[in-house]
C-alpha atoms as a PDB file:
ATOM      1  CA  UNK A   1     -90.103 181.749  -5.479  1.00  0.00           C
ATOM      2  CA  UNK A   2     -87.245 179.516  -4.352  1.00  0.00           C
ATOM      3  CA  UNK A   3     -86.240 176.855  -1.904  1.00  0.00           C
ATOM      4  CA  UNK A   4     -89.201 177.616   0.358  1.00  0.00           C
ATOM      5  CA  UNK A   5     -91.673 176.181  -2.174  1.00  0.00           C
ATOM      6  CA  UNK A   6     -93.416 173.135  -0.727  1.00  0.00           C
ATOM      7  CA  UNK A   7     -96.024 170.538  -1.768  1.00  0.00           C
ATOM      8  CA  UNK A   8     -98.924 172.691  -0.563  1.00  0.00           C
ATOM      9  CA  UNK A   9     -97.976 175.388  -3.056  1.00  0.00           C
ATOM     10  CA  UNK A  10     -98.386 173.154  -6.113  1.00  0.00           C
ATOM     11  CA  UNK A  11    -102.155 173.263  -6.611  1.00  0.00           C
ATOM     12  CA  UNK A  12    -102.618 177.057  -6.386  1.00  0.00           C
ATOM     13  CA  UNK A  13     -99.577 177.658  -8.582  1.00  0.00           C
ATOM     14  CA  UNK A  14    -100.863 175.229 -11.212  1.00  0.00           C
ATOM     15  CA  UNK A  15    -104.262 176.953 -11.079  1.00  0.00           C
ATOM     16  CA  UNK A  16    -102.536 180.312 -11.525  1.00  0.00           C
ATOM     17  CA  UNK A  17    -100.649 179.064 -14.595  1.00  0.00           C
ATOM     18  CA  UNK A  18    -103.867 177.641 -16.019  1.00  0.00           C
ATOM     19  CA  UNK A  19    -105.659 180.962 -15.486  1.00  0.00           C
ATOM     20  CA  UNK A  20    -102.907 182.867 -17.280  1.00  0.00           C
ATOM     21  CA  UNK A  21    -102.993 180.491 -20.228  1.00  0.00           C
ATOM     22  CA  UNK A  22    -106.784 180.625 -20.491  1.00  0.00           C
ATOM     23  CA  UNK A  23    -106.661 184.426 -20.360  1.00  0.00           C
ATOM     24  CA  UNK A  24    -104.419 184.666 -23.414  1.00  0.00           C
ATOM     25  CA  UNK A  25    -106.153 186.543 -26.259  1.00  0.00           C
ATOM     26  CA  UNK A  26    -104.464 184.117 -28.665  1.00  0.00           C
ATOM     27  CA  UNK A  27    -103.558 180.717 -27.251  1.00  0.00           C
ATOM     28  CA  UNK A  28    -100.724 179.503 -29.457  1.00  0.00           C
ATOM     29  CA  UNK A  29     -97.355 177.882 -28.836  1.00  0.00           C
ATOM     30  CA  UNK A  30     -95.284 181.109 -28.666  1.00  0.00           C
ATOM     31  CA  UNK A  31     -97.670 182.765 -26.208  1.00  0.00           C
ATOM     32  CA  UNK A  32     -97.986 179.706 -23.975  1.00  0.00           C
ATOM     33  CA  UNK A  33     -94.217 179.213 -24.090  1.00  0.00           C
ATOM     34  CA  UNK A  34     -93.680 182.808 -22.990  1.00  0.00           C
ATOM     35  CA  UNK A  35     -95.685 182.083 -19.846  1.00  0.00           C
ATOM     36  CA  UNK A  36     -93.781 178.853 -19.278  1.00  0.00           C
ATOM     37  CA  UNK A  37     -90.437 180.625 -19.632  1.00  0.00           C
ATOM     38  CA  UNK A  38     -91.452 183.200 -17.056  1.00  0.00           C
ATOM     39  CA  UNK A  39     -92.329 180.457 -14.592  1.00  0.00           C
ATOM     40  CA  UNK A  40     -89.150 178.529 -15.415  1.00  0.00           C
ATOM     41  CA  UNK A  41     -87.173 181.614 -14.444  1.00  0.00           C
ATOM     42  CA  UNK A  42     -89.176 182.016 -11.219  1.00  0.00           C
ATOM     43  CA  UNK A  43     -88.719 178.331 -10.358  1.00  0.00           C
ATOM     44  CA  UNK A  44     -84.978 178.283 -10.951  1.00  0.00           C
ATOM     45  CA  UNK A  45     -84.239 177.906  -7.241  1.00  0.00           C
ATOM     46  CA  UNK A  46     -87.117 175.534  -6.457  1.00  0.00           C
ATOM     47  CA  UNK A  47     -86.541 171.985  -5.262  1.00  0.00           C
ATOM     48  CA  UNK A  48     -86.588 169.272  -7.913  1.00  0.00           C
ATOM     49  CA  UNK A  49     -89.527 167.509  -6.271  1.00  0.00           C
ATOM     50  CA  UNK A  50     -91.575 170.691  -6.291  1.00  0.00           C
ATOM     51  CA  UNK A  51     -91.087 171.084 -10.048  1.00  0.00           C
ATOM     52  CA  UNK A  52     -91.978 167.423 -10.614  1.00  0.00           C
ATOM     53  CA  UNK A  53     -95.122 167.774  -8.503  1.00  0.00           C
ATOM     54  CA  UNK A  54     -96.122 170.950 -10.323  1.00  0.00           C
ATOM     55  CA  UNK A  55     -95.603 169.273 -13.673  1.00  0.00           C
ATOM     56  CA  UNK A  56     -97.717 166.290 -12.616  1.00  0.00           C
ATOM     57  CA  UNK A  57    -100.507 168.651 -11.542  1.00  0.00           C
ATOM     58  CA  UNK A  58    -100.384 170.557 -14.843  1.00  0.00           C
ATOM     59  CA  UNK A  59    -100.450 167.334 -16.859  1.00  0.00           C
ATOM     60  CA  UNK A  60    -103.013 165.334 -14.942  1.00  0.00           C
ATOM     61  CA  UNK A  61    -105.390 168.089 -13.821  1.00  0.00           C
ATOM     62  CA  UNK A  62    -105.129 170.583 -16.677  1.00  0.00           C
ATOM     63  CA  UNK A  63    -103.798 168.620 -19.644  1.00  0.00           C
ATOM     64  CA  UNK A  64    -100.843 170.940 -20.275  1.00  0.00           C
ATOM     65  CA  UNK A  65     -98.265 168.492 -21.516  1.00  0.00           C
ATOM     66  CA  UNK A  66     -95.885 170.457 -23.720  1.00  0.00           C
ATOM     67  CA  UNK A  67     -95.357 173.412 -21.406  1.00  0.00           C
ATOM     68  CA  UNK A  68     -95.340 171.163 -18.325  1.00  0.00           C
ATOM     69  CA  UNK A  69     -92.633 168.906 -19.739  1.00  0.00           C
ATOM     70  CA  UNK A  70     -90.634 171.995 -20.652  1.00  0.00           C
ATOM     71  CA  UNK A  71     -90.693 173.069 -16.987  1.00  0.00           C
ATOM     72  CA  UNK A  72     -88.732 169.934 -16.125  1.00  0.00           C
ATOM     73  CA  UNK A  73     -86.454 170.135 -19.167  1.00  0.00           C
ATOM     74  CA  UNK A  74     -85.456 173.680 -18.213  1.00  0.00           C
ATOM     75  CA  UNK A  75     -84.845 172.840 -14.529  1.00  0.00           C
ATOM     76  CA  UNK A  76     -81.552 170.974 -14.275  1.00  0.00           C
ATOM     77  CA  UNK A  77     -82.132 169.336 -10.903  1.00  0.00           C
ATOM     78  CA  UNK A  78     -85.665 168.251 -11.744  1.00  0.00           C
ATOM     79  CA  UNK A  79     -84.529 166.782 -15.053  1.00  0.00           C
ATOM     80  CA  UNK A  80     -81.643 164.909 -13.451  1.00  0.00           C
ATOM     81  CA  UNK A  81     -83.997 163.413 -10.859  1.00  0.00           C
ATOM     82  CA  UNK A  82     -86.094 161.659 -13.513  1.00  0.00           C
ATOM     83  CA  UNK A  83     -86.395 157.887 -13.302  1.00  0.00           C
ATOM     84  CA  UNK A  84     -88.576 155.289 -15.080  1.00  0.00           C
ATOM     85  CA  UNK A  85     -91.445 155.479 -12.581  1.00  0.00           C
ATOM     86  CA  UNK A  86     -91.646 159.278 -12.722  1.00  0.00           C
ATOM     87  CA  UNK A  87     -91.396 159.413 -16.515  1.00  0.00           C
ATOM     88  CA  UNK A  88     -94.053 156.751 -17.069  1.00  0.00           C
ATOM     89  CA  UNK A  89     -96.347 158.523 -14.616  1.00  0.00           C
ATOM     90  CA  UNK A  90     -95.919 161.790 -16.512  1.00  0.00           C
ATOM     91  CA  UNK A  91     -96.632 159.984 -19.771  1.00  0.00           C
ATOM     92  CA  UNK A  92     -99.810 158.371 -18.474  1.00  0.00           C
ATOM     93  CA  UNK A  93    -102.725 159.129 -20.806  1.00  0.00           C
ATOM     94  CA  UNK A  94    -100.763 160.081 -23.928  1.00  0.00           C
ATOM     95  CA  UNK A  95    -103.309 159.572 -26.698  1.00  0.00           C
ATOM     96  CA  UNK A  96    -102.446 161.818 -29.647  1.00  0.00           C
ATOM     97  CA  UNK A  97     -99.455 162.518 -31.846  1.00  0.00           C
ATOM     98  CA  UNK A  98     -98.802 165.915 -30.239  1.00  0.00           C
ATOM     99  CA  UNK A  99     -99.017 164.499 -26.694  1.00  0.00           C
ATOM    100  CA  UNK A 100     -96.659 161.659 -27.575  1.00  0.00           C
ATOM    101  CA  UNK A 101     -94.196 163.860 -29.389  1.00  0.00           C
ATOM    102  CA  UNK A 102     -93.975 166.485 -26.639  1.00  0.00           C
ATOM    103  CA  UNK A 103     -93.506 163.711 -24.070  1.00  0.00           C
ATOM    104  CA  UNK A 104     -90.891 161.797 -26.056  1.00  0.00           C
ATOM    105  CA  UNK A 105     -88.972 164.719 -27.574  1.00  0.00           C
ATOM    106  CA  UNK A 106     -88.932 166.967 -24.524  1.00  0.00           C
ATOM    107  CA  UNK A 107     -88.782 164.532 -21.630  1.00  0.00           C
ATOM    108  CA  UNK A 108     -88.387 160.796 -22.203  1.00  0.00           C
ATOM    109  CA  UNK A 109     -86.000 160.881 -25.173  1.00  0.00           C
ATOM    110  CA  UNK A 110     -83.523 163.316 -23.606  1.00  0.00           C
ATOM    111  CA  UNK A 111     -83.692 161.382 -20.313  1.00  0.00           C
ATOM    112  CA  UNK A 112     -82.855 158.173 -22.191  1.00  0.00           C
ATOM    113  CA  UNK A 113     -80.071 159.901 -24.102  1.00  0.00           C
ATOM    114  CA  UNK A 114     -78.538 161.122 -20.842  1.00  0.00           C
ATOM    115  CA  UNK A 115     -78.651 157.709 -19.146  1.00  0.00           C
ATOM    116  CA  UNK A 116     -81.548 158.425 -16.790  1.00  0.00           C
ATOM    117  CA  UNK A 117     -83.747 155.754 -18.389  1.00  0.00           C
ATOM    118  CA  UNK A 118     -82.608 152.210 -19.235  1.00  0.00           C
ATOM    119  CA  UNK A 119     -82.758 150.792 -22.748  1.00  0.00           C
ATOM    120  CA  UNK A 120     -85.116 148.079 -21.527  1.00  0.00           C
ATOM    121  CA  UNK A 121     -87.805 150.653 -20.717  1.00  0.00           C
ATOM    122  CA  UNK A 122     -87.840 152.093 -24.232  1.00  0.00           C
ATOM    123  CA  UNK A 123     -87.775 148.615 -25.774  1.00  0.00           C
ATOM    124  CA  UNK A 124     -90.749 147.671 -23.581  1.00  0.00           C
ATOM    125  CA  UNK A 125     -92.670 150.667 -24.902  1.00  0.00           C
ATOM    126  CA  UNK A 126     -91.836 149.531 -28.436  1.00  0.00           C
ATOM    127  CA  UNK A 127     -93.553 146.227 -27.681  1.00  0.00           C
ATOM    128  CA  UNK A 128     -96.629 147.785 -26.109  1.00  0.00           C
ATOM    129  CA  UNK A 129    -100.151 146.993 -27.283  1.00  0.00           C
ATOM    130  CA  UNK A 130    -100.842 150.739 -27.117  1.00  0.00           C
ATOM    131  CA  UNK A 131    -100.031 152.479 -30.403  1.00  0.00           C
ATOM    132  CA  UNK A 132     -99.089 155.685 -28.599  1.00  0.00           C
ATOM    133  CA  UNK A 133     -96.415 154.059 -26.458  1.00  0.00           C
ATOM    134  CA  UNK A 134     -95.020 152.341 -29.549  1.00  0.00           C
ATOM    135  CA  UNK A 135     -94.820 155.717 -31.245  1.00  0.00           C
ATOM    136  CA  UNK A 136     -93.200 157.181 -28.117  1.00  0.00           C
ATOM    137  CA  UNK A 137     -90.412 154.591 -28.300  1.00  0.00           C
ATOM    138  CA  UNK A 138     -89.592 155.631 -31.854  1.00  0.00           C
ATOM    139  CA  UNK A 139     -89.786 159.355 -31.147  1.00  0.00           C
ATOM    140  CA  UNK A 140     -87.438 158.863 -28.200  1.00  0.00           C
ATOM    141  CA  UNK A 141     -84.733 157.894 -30.695  1.00  0.00           C
ATOM    142  CA  UNK A 142     -84.951 161.385 -32.207  1.00  0.00           C
ATOM    143  CA  UNK A 143     -83.278 162.763 -29.074  1.00  0.00           C
ATOM    144  CA  UNK A 144     -80.337 160.425 -29.684  1.00  0.00           C
ATOM    145  CA  UNK A 145     -79.704 161.842 -33.136  1.00  0.00           C
ATOM    146  CA  UNK A 146     -80.798 165.489 -33.486  1.00  0.00           C
ATOM    147  CA  UNK A 147     -77.606 167.479 -33.095  1.00  0.00           C
ATOM    148  CA  UNK A 148     -79.363 170.785 -32.408  1.00  0.00           C
ATOM    149  CA  UNK A 149     -80.868 169.197 -29.271  1.00  0.00           C
ATOM    150  CA  UNK A 150     -77.799 167.426 -27.974  1.00  0.00           C
ATOM    151  CA  UNK A 151     -78.027 164.217 -30.000  1.00  0.00           C
ATOM    152  CA  UNK A 152     -74.683 162.615 -30.752  1.00  0.00           C
ATOM    153  CA  UNK A 153     -75.876 159.791 -32.978  1.00  0.00           C
ATOM    154  CA  UNK A 154     -76.711 156.307 -31.758  1.00  0.00           C
ATOM    155  CA  UNK A 155     -77.081 153.752 -34.524  1.00  0.00           C
ATOM    156  CA  UNK A 156     -77.406 150.576 -32.387  1.00  0.00           C
ATOM    157  CA  UNK A 157     -80.154 151.812 -30.089  1.00  0.00           C
ATOM    158  CA  UNK A 158     -82.075 153.615 -32.818  1.00  0.00           C
ATOM    159  CA  UNK A 159     -82.121 150.571 -35.076  1.00  0.00           C
ATOM    160  CA  UNK A 160     -82.987 148.267 -32.175  1.00  0.00           C
ATOM    161  CA  UNK A 161     -86.237 150.191 -31.677  1.00  0.00           C
ATOM    162  CA  UNK A 162     -86.853 150.420 -35.422  1.00  0.00           C
ATOM    163  CA  UNK A 163     -86.400 146.667 -35.855  1.00  0.00           C
ATOM    164  CA  UNK A 164     -89.015 145.986 -33.221  1.00  0.00           C
ATOM    165  CA  UNK A 165     -91.572 148.047 -35.148  1.00  0.00           C
ATOM    166  CA  UNK A 166     -90.462 147.406 -38.711  1.00  0.00           C
ATOM    167  CA  UNK A 167     -93.646 145.527 -39.614  1.00  0.00           C
ATOM    168  CA  UNK A 168     -96.069 147.769 -37.688  1.00  0.00           C
ATOM    169  CA  UNK A 169     -98.363 149.468 -40.205  1.00  0.00           C
ATOM    170  CA  UNK A 170    -100.326 151.625 -37.785  1.00  0.00           C
ATOM    171  CA  UNK A 171    -100.202 155.082 -39.387  1.00  0.00           C
ATOM    172  CA  UNK A 172     -98.914 156.836 -36.255  1.00  0.00           C
ATOM    173  CA  UNK A 173     -96.143 154.271 -35.896  1.00  0.00           C
ATOM    174  CA  UNK A 174     -95.253 154.305 -39.593  1.00  0.00           C
ATOM    175  CA  UNK A 175     -94.779 158.081 -39.562  1.00  0.00           C
ATOM    176  CA  UNK A 176     -92.593 157.860 -36.463  1.00  0.00           C
ATOM    177  CA  UNK A 177     -90.511 155.046 -37.960  1.00  0.00           C
ATOM    178  CA  UNK A 178     -89.831 157.195 -41.008  1.00  0.00           C
ATOM    179  CA  UNK A 179     -88.866 160.096 -38.754  1.00  0.00           C
ATOM    180  CA  UNK A 180     -86.532 157.973 -36.636  1.00  0.00           C
ATOM    181  CA  UNK A 181     -84.694 156.619 -39.685  1.00  0.00           C
ATOM    182  CA  UNK A 182     -84.456 160.014 -41.358  1.00  0.00           C
ATOM    183  CA  UNK A 183     -82.834 161.545 -38.288  1.00  0.00           C
ATOM    184  CA  UNK A 184     -80.258 158.759 -38.324  1.00  0.00           C
ATOM    185  CA  UNK A 185     -79.237 159.422 -41.955  1.00  0.00           C
ATOM    186  CA  UNK A 186     -76.880 162.263 -41.025  1.00  0.00           C
ATOM    187  CA  UNK A 187     -74.935 159.960 -38.687  1.00  0.00           C
ATOM    188  CA  UNK A 188     -74.769 156.750 -40.723  1.00  0.00           C
ATOM    189  CA  UNK A 189     -76.462 156.793 -44.112  1.00  0.00           C
ATOM    190  CA  UNK A 190     -75.138 153.353 -45.026  1.00  0.00           C
ATOM    191  CA  UNK A 191     -76.638 151.762 -41.932  1.00  0.00           C
ATOM    192  CA  UNK A 192     -80.004 153.230 -42.902  1.00  0.00           C
ATOM    193  CA  UNK A 193     -79.664 151.958 -46.499  1.00  0.00           C
ATOM    194  CA  UNK A 194     -78.824 148.494 -45.212  1.00  0.00           C
ATOM    195  CA  UNK A 195     -81.844 148.599 -42.891  1.00  0.00           C
ATOM    196  CA  UNK A 196     -84.161 149.519 -45.772  1.00  0.00           C
ATOM    197  CA  UNK A 197     -82.752 146.796 -48.002  1.00  0.00           C
ATOM    198  CA  UNK A 198     -82.976 144.122 -45.319  1.00  0.00           C
ATOM    199  CA  UNK A 199     -86.561 144.930 -44.351  1.00  0.00           C
ATOM    200  CA  UNK A 200     -87.852 145.911 -47.807  1.00  0.00           C
ATOM    201  CA  UNK A 201     -90.631 143.258 -47.867  1.00  0.00           C
ATOM    202  CA  UNK A 202     -92.306 144.394 -44.656  1.00  0.00           C
ATOM    203  CA  UNK A 203     -91.662 148.131 -44.487  1.00  0.00           C
ATOM    204  CA  UNK A 204     -94.581 150.464 -45.184  1.00  0.00           C
ATOM    205  CA  UNK A 205     -94.396 152.271 -48.518  1.00  0.00           C
ATOM    206  CA  UNK A 206     -94.299 155.661 -46.761  1.00  0.00           C
ATOM    207  CA  UNK A 207     -91.182 154.703 -44.822  1.00  0.00           C
ATOM    208  CA  UNK A 208     -89.350 153.482 -47.914  1.00  0.00           C
ATOM    209  CA  UNK A 209     -90.319 156.536 -49.959  1.00  0.00           C
ATOM    210  CA  UNK A 210     -89.562 159.211 -47.367  1.00  0.00           C
ATOM    211  CA  UNK A 211     -86.315 157.699 -46.099  1.00  0.00           C
ATOM    212  CA  UNK A 212     -84.980 157.060 -49.593  1.00  0.00           C
ATOM    213  CA  UNK A 213     -85.877 160.630 -50.537  1.00  0.00           C
ATOM    214  CA  UNK A 214     -83.874 161.785 -47.524  1.00  0.00           C
ATOM    215  CA  UNK A 215     -80.921 159.625 -48.505  1.00  0.00           C
ATOM    216  CA  UNK A 216     -81.012 160.835 -52.085  1.00  0.00           C
ATOM    217  CA  UNK A 217     -81.899 164.536 -51.739  1.00  0.00           C
ATOM    218  CA  UNK A 218     -81.665 165.426 -48.057  1.00  0.00           C
ATOM    219  CA  UNK A 219     -85.417 166.059 -47.972  1.00  0.00           C
ATOM    220  CA  UNK A 220     -88.368 163.944 -46.931  1.00  0.00           C
ATOM    221  CA  UNK A 221     -90.552 165.087 -49.816  1.00  0.00           C
ATOM    222  CA  UNK A 222     -88.541 166.977 -52.429  1.00  0.00           C
ATOM    223  CA  UNK A 223     -90.615 169.161 -54.727  1.00  0.00           C
ATOM    224  CA  UNK A 224     -91.021 167.955 -58.227  1.00  0.00           C
ATOM    225  CA  UNK A 225     -89.928 170.313 -60.972  1.00  0.00           C
ATOM    226  CA  UNK A 226     -90.776 170.316 -64.648  1.00  0.00           C
ATOM    227  CA  UNK A 227     -93.338 167.993 -66.206  1.00  0.00           C
END
């Protein structure tokens, strides 16, 4: 499978991937990822547009978000061809924490980090009426800050998104806000302390507790010992 792959090949290939996943005796993340990795290897020489079209088919027709987004993330040319319209199309229909997090951590966040998406797009998501797009904006900041995934630390952009959602008490947003701030601690703990102090009156209790635990102990929820 290489440069000869064309648009007409997308639907049968997506159906083949779906059949292999459904045939798994145990459908879990490692087993599904093993299939995805095999196809990533086979698609190494495919055109970027072919990989994007295949991903769209897997997402929109079969609901395979995590493994589909990974196909793009592992294909350099497909990843580098991402733009706001393509990314928003691939995020269409996100409606659960796992769908949002796979979209934002694997695709949108890294694309933003690498300059493929403008700040204004992420800030627009942060102001969305849809809770899942607001969560996506916060989870995108994780890609800016997680060193093991290429994050170099970005205090201004992370806090810009956090400020937009500082008073949002939707549970899915609150958890993501805590996550975003905790990932920033390793890069600038003082900036995070200042953020907590400034927004103390409106921050959700979970955010204050978990982020201060991280600042104090390095853990979100340190185990209690003794009485």
